Amino acid sequence: MGGPNATSSLTGRSLEAAAARESENEHQYRDLFSNLLQKISQLKVDTHGNHDYDAENAVLSNVNETLTQAVAGGVAVGLAAFISLRYLPAYLVRSAGKKSAARESTAQAGFAF
């Protein structure tokens, strides 16, 4: 890809000649984009003291806050559902087993429920 006689695989032209052409056209590109860059810089200057969009910004920040709370609530509910489905049945079975074992031992001792 290097060397003094390198050529483009797409066009077959010399890469050095293409680079020289691009550097000669640099001022044309600068003129082409300078108008656009001036407009962008004017927009940046104009919006610093402008409060036209405060209501929209307040609505968007409220939406962002609500979305964050909804995601956090969804994670909390999902985690609670997972824990209750994963661990609650085993706990209930152990708890019921302990109660039935306690009933059997009291029945053997002569106490009735």
C-alpha atoms as a PDB file:
ATOM      1  CA  MET A   1       0.000   0.000   0.000  1.00  0.00           C
ATOM      2  CA  GLY A   2       2.987   2.304   0.294  1.00  0.00           C
ATOM      3  CA  GLY A   3       5.693   3.401  -2.028  1.00  0.00           C
ATOM      4  CA  PRO A   4       6.059   6.208  -4.559  1.00  0.00           C
ATOM      5  CA  ASN A   5       4.061   4.450  -7.278  1.00  0.00           C
ATOM      6  CA  ALA A   6       1.123   3.301  -5.164  1.00  0.00           C
ATOM      7  CA  THR A   7      -2.193   3.265  -6.971  1.00  0.00           C
ATOM      8  CA  SER A   8      -5.770   3.049  -5.845  1.00  0.00           C
ATOM      9  CA  SER A   9      -7.313  -0.370  -6.283  1.00  0.00           C
ATOM     10  CA  LEU A  10     -10.655   1.239  -7.152  1.00  0.00           C
ATOM     11  CA  THR A  11      -9.622   3.900  -9.654  1.00  0.00           C
ATOM     12  CA  GLY A  12      -6.117   2.807 -10.697  1.00  0.00           C
ATOM     13  CA  ARG A  13      -4.852   6.359 -10.197  1.00  0.00           C
ATOM     14  CA  SER A  14      -1.802   7.437  -8.249  1.00  0.00           C
ATOM     15  CA  LEU A  15      -2.454   8.004  -4.554  1.00  0.00           C
ATOM     16  CA  GLU A  16       0.049  10.852  -4.454  1.00  0.00           C
ATOM     17  CA  ALA A  17      -1.804  12.641  -7.259  1.00  0.00           C
ATOM     18  CA  ALA A  18      -5.101  12.177  -5.417  1.00  0.00           C
ATOM     19  CA  ALA A  19      -3.603  13.588  -2.216  1.00  0.00           C
ATOM     20  CA  ALA A  20      -2.223  16.578  -4.121  1.00  0.00           C
ATOM     21  CA  ARG A  21      -5.643  17.214  -5.692  1.00  0.00           C
ATOM     22  CA  GLU A  22      -7.327  17.083  -2.305  1.00  0.00           C
ATOM     23  CA  SER A  23      -4.863  19.541  -0.796  1.00  0.00           C
ATOM     24  CA  GLU A  24      -5.438  21.904  -3.753  1.00  0.00           C
ATOM     25  CA  ASN A  25      -9.216  21.684  -3.193  1.00  0.00           C
ATOM     26  CA  GLU A  26      -8.937  22.373   0.541  1.00  0.00           C
ATOM     27  CA  HIS A  27      -9.895  26.040   0.196  1.00  0.00           C
ATOM     28  CA  GLN A  28     -12.990  25.077  -1.806  1.00  0.00           C
ATOM     29  CA  TYR A  29     -14.084  22.697   0.944  1.00  0.00           C
ATOM     30  CA  ARG A  30     -13.442  25.364   3.560  1.00  0.00           C
ATOM     31  CA  ASP A  31     -15.582  27.869   1.621  1.00  0.00           C
ATOM     32  CA  LEU A  32     -18.287  25.255   1.188  1.00  0.00           C
ATOM     33  CA  PHE A  33     -18.579  24.527   4.899  1.00  0.00           C
ATOM     34  CA  SER A  34     -17.740  27.935   6.378  1.00  0.00           C
ATOM     35  CA  ASN A  35     -21.276  29.240   5.779  1.00  0.00           C
ATOM     36  CA  LEU A  36     -22.735  26.221   7.557  1.00  0.00           C
ATOM     37  CA  LEU A  37     -20.297  26.573  10.451  1.00  0.00           C
ATOM     38  CA  GLN A  38     -21.187  30.263  10.831  1.00  0.00           C
ATOM     39  CA  LYS A  39     -24.890  29.394  11.029  1.00  0.00           C
ATOM     40  CA  ILE A  40     -24.209  26.757  13.666  1.00  0.00           C
ATOM     41  CA  SER A  41     -22.129  29.160  15.749  1.00  0.00           C
ATOM     42  CA  GLN A  42     -24.929  31.767  15.545  1.00  0.00           C
ATOM     43  CA  LEU A  43     -27.426  29.188  16.777  1.00  0.00           C
ATOM     44  CA  LYS A  44     -25.201  28.396  19.740  1.00  0.00           C
ATOM     45  CA  VAL A  45     -24.896  32.072  20.633  1.00  0.00           C
ATOM     46  CA  ASP A  46     -28.609  32.760  20.246  1.00  0.00           C
ATOM     47  CA  THR A  47     -29.769  29.940  22.511  1.00  0.00           C
ATOM     48  CA  HIS A  48     -27.729  30.920  25.593  1.00  0.00           C
ATOM     49  CA  GLY A  49     -30.064  33.692  26.760  1.00  0.00           C
ATOM     50  CA  ASN A  50     -33.212  32.303  25.191  1.00  0.00           C
ATOM     51  CA  HIS A  51     -35.878  30.822  27.471  1.00  0.00           C
ATOM     52  CA  ASP A  52     -38.358  29.815  24.771  1.00  0.00           C
ATOM     53  CA  TYR A  53     -37.964  26.119  25.433  1.00  0.00           C
ATOM     54  CA  ASP A  54     -38.110  26.072  29.242  1.00  0.00           C
ATOM     55  CA  ALA A  55     -41.585  24.484  29.288  1.00  0.00           C
ATOM     56  CA  GLU A  56     -40.502  21.759  26.874  1.00  0.00           C
ATOM     57  CA  ASN A  57     -37.359  21.108  28.900  1.00  0.00           C
ATOM     58  CA  ALA A  58     -39.434  20.837  32.086  1.00  0.00           C
ATOM     59  CA  VAL A  59     -41.773  18.326  30.417  1.00  0.00           C
ATOM     60  CA  LEU A  60     -38.850  16.291  29.097  1.00  0.00           C
ATOM     61  CA  SER A  61     -37.114  16.239  32.479  1.00  0.00           C
ATOM     62  CA  ASN A  62     -40.404  15.132  34.077  1.00  0.00           C
ATOM     63  CA  VAL A  63     -40.730  12.356  31.496  1.00  0.00           C
ATOM     64  CA  ASN A  64     -37.151  11.291  32.148  1.00  0.00           C
ATOM     65  CA  GLU A  65     -37.770  11.227  35.906  1.00  0.00           C
ATOM     66  CA  THR A  66     -40.978   9.217  35.493  1.00  0.00           C
ATOM     67  CA  LEU A  67     -39.249   6.760  33.192  1.00  0.00           C
ATOM     68  CA  THR A  68     -36.427   6.256  35.676  1.00  0.00           C
ATOM     69  CA  GLN A  69     -38.910   5.628  38.486  1.00  0.00           C
ATOM     70  CA  ALA A  70     -40.876   3.199  36.317  1.00  0.00           C
ATOM     71  CA  VAL A  71     -37.763   1.216  35.479  1.00  0.00           C
ATOM     72  CA  ALA A  72     -36.715   1.097  39.128  1.00  0.00           C
ATOM     73  CA  GLY A  73     -40.224  -0.003  40.163  1.00  0.00           C
ATOM     74  CA  GLY A  74     -40.256  -2.676  37.467  1.00  0.00           C
ATOM     75  CA  VAL A  75     -36.932  -4.038  38.651  1.00  0.00           C
ATOM     76  CA  ALA A  76     -38.149  -4.089  42.270  1.00  0.00           C
ATOM     77  CA  VAL A  77     -41.422  -5.858  41.392  1.00  0.00           C
ATOM     78  CA  GLY A  78     -39.609  -8.332  39.135  1.00  0.00           C
ATOM     79  CA  LEU A  79     -37.086  -9.120  41.844  1.00  0.00           C
ATOM     80  CA  ALA A  80     -39.850  -9.583  44.424  1.00  0.00           C
ATOM     81  CA  ALA A  81     -41.740 -11.894  42.058  1.00  0.00           C
ATOM     82  CA  PHE A  82     -38.619 -13.939  41.358  1.00  0.00           C
ATOM     83  CA  ILE A  83     -37.786 -14.302  45.034  1.00  0.00           C
ATOM     84  CA  SER A  84     -41.356 -15.233  45.944  1.00  0.00           C
ATOM     85  CA  LEU A  85     -41.592 -17.832  43.170  1.00  0.00           C
ATOM     86  CA  ARG A  86     -38.129 -19.225  43.757  1.00  0.00           C
ATOM     87  CA  TYR A  87     -37.883 -19.380  47.546  1.00  0.00           C
ATOM     88  CA  LEU A  88     -41.428 -19.041  48.989  1.00  0.00           C
ATOM     89  CA  PRO A  89     -42.681 -22.530  48.003  1.00  0.00           C
ATOM     90  CA  ALA A  90     -39.687 -24.227  49.618  1.00  0.00           C
ATOM     91  CA  TYR A  91     -40.170 -22.119  52.751  1.00  0.00           C
ATOM     92  CA  LEU A  92     -43.860 -23.019  52.917  1.00  0.00           C
ATOM     93  CA  VAL A  93     -43.094 -26.720  52.521  1.00  0.00           C
ATOM     94  CA  ARG A  94     -40.492 -26.589  55.297  1.00  0.00           C
ATOM     95  CA  SER A  95     -42.864 -24.601  57.474  1.00  0.00           C
ATOM     96  CA  ALA A  96     -45.723 -27.059  56.887  1.00  0.00           C
ATOM     97  CA  GLY A  97     -43.365 -29.961  57.565  1.00  0.00           C
ATOM     98  CA  LYS A  98     -42.350 -28.436  60.886  1.00  0.00           C
ATOM     99  CA  LYS A  99     -45.987 -27.927  61.857  1.00  0.00           C
ATOM    100  CA  SER A 100     -46.944 -31.500  61.012  1.00  0.00           C
ATOM    101  CA  ALA A 101     -43.896 -32.812  62.876  1.00  0.00           C
ATOM    102  CA  ALA A 102     -44.881 -30.710  65.880  1.00  0.00           C
ATOM    103  CA  ARG A 103     -48.430 -32.067  65.706  1.00  0.00           C
ATOM    104  CA  GLU A 104     -47.168 -35.643  65.542  1.00  0.00           C
ATOM    105  CA  SER A 105     -44.897 -35.168  68.534  1.00  0.00           C
ATOM    106  CA  THR A 106     -47.674 -33.558  70.610  1.00  0.00           C
ATOM    107  CA  ALA A 107     -50.123 -36.275  69.606  1.00  0.00           C
ATOM    108  CA  GLN A 108     -47.649 -38.886  70.802  1.00  0.00           C
ATOM    109  CA  ALA A 109     -47.343 -36.998  74.062  1.00  0.00           C
ATOM    110  CA  GLY A 110     -51.103 -37.067  74.512  1.00  0.00           C
ATOM    111  CA  PHE A 111     -52.028 -33.497  73.657  1.00  0.00           C
ATOM    112  CA  ALA A 112     -54.706 -32.820  71.037  1.00  0.00           C
ATOM    113  CA  PHE A 113     -55.179 -29.732  68.889  1.00  0.00           C
END
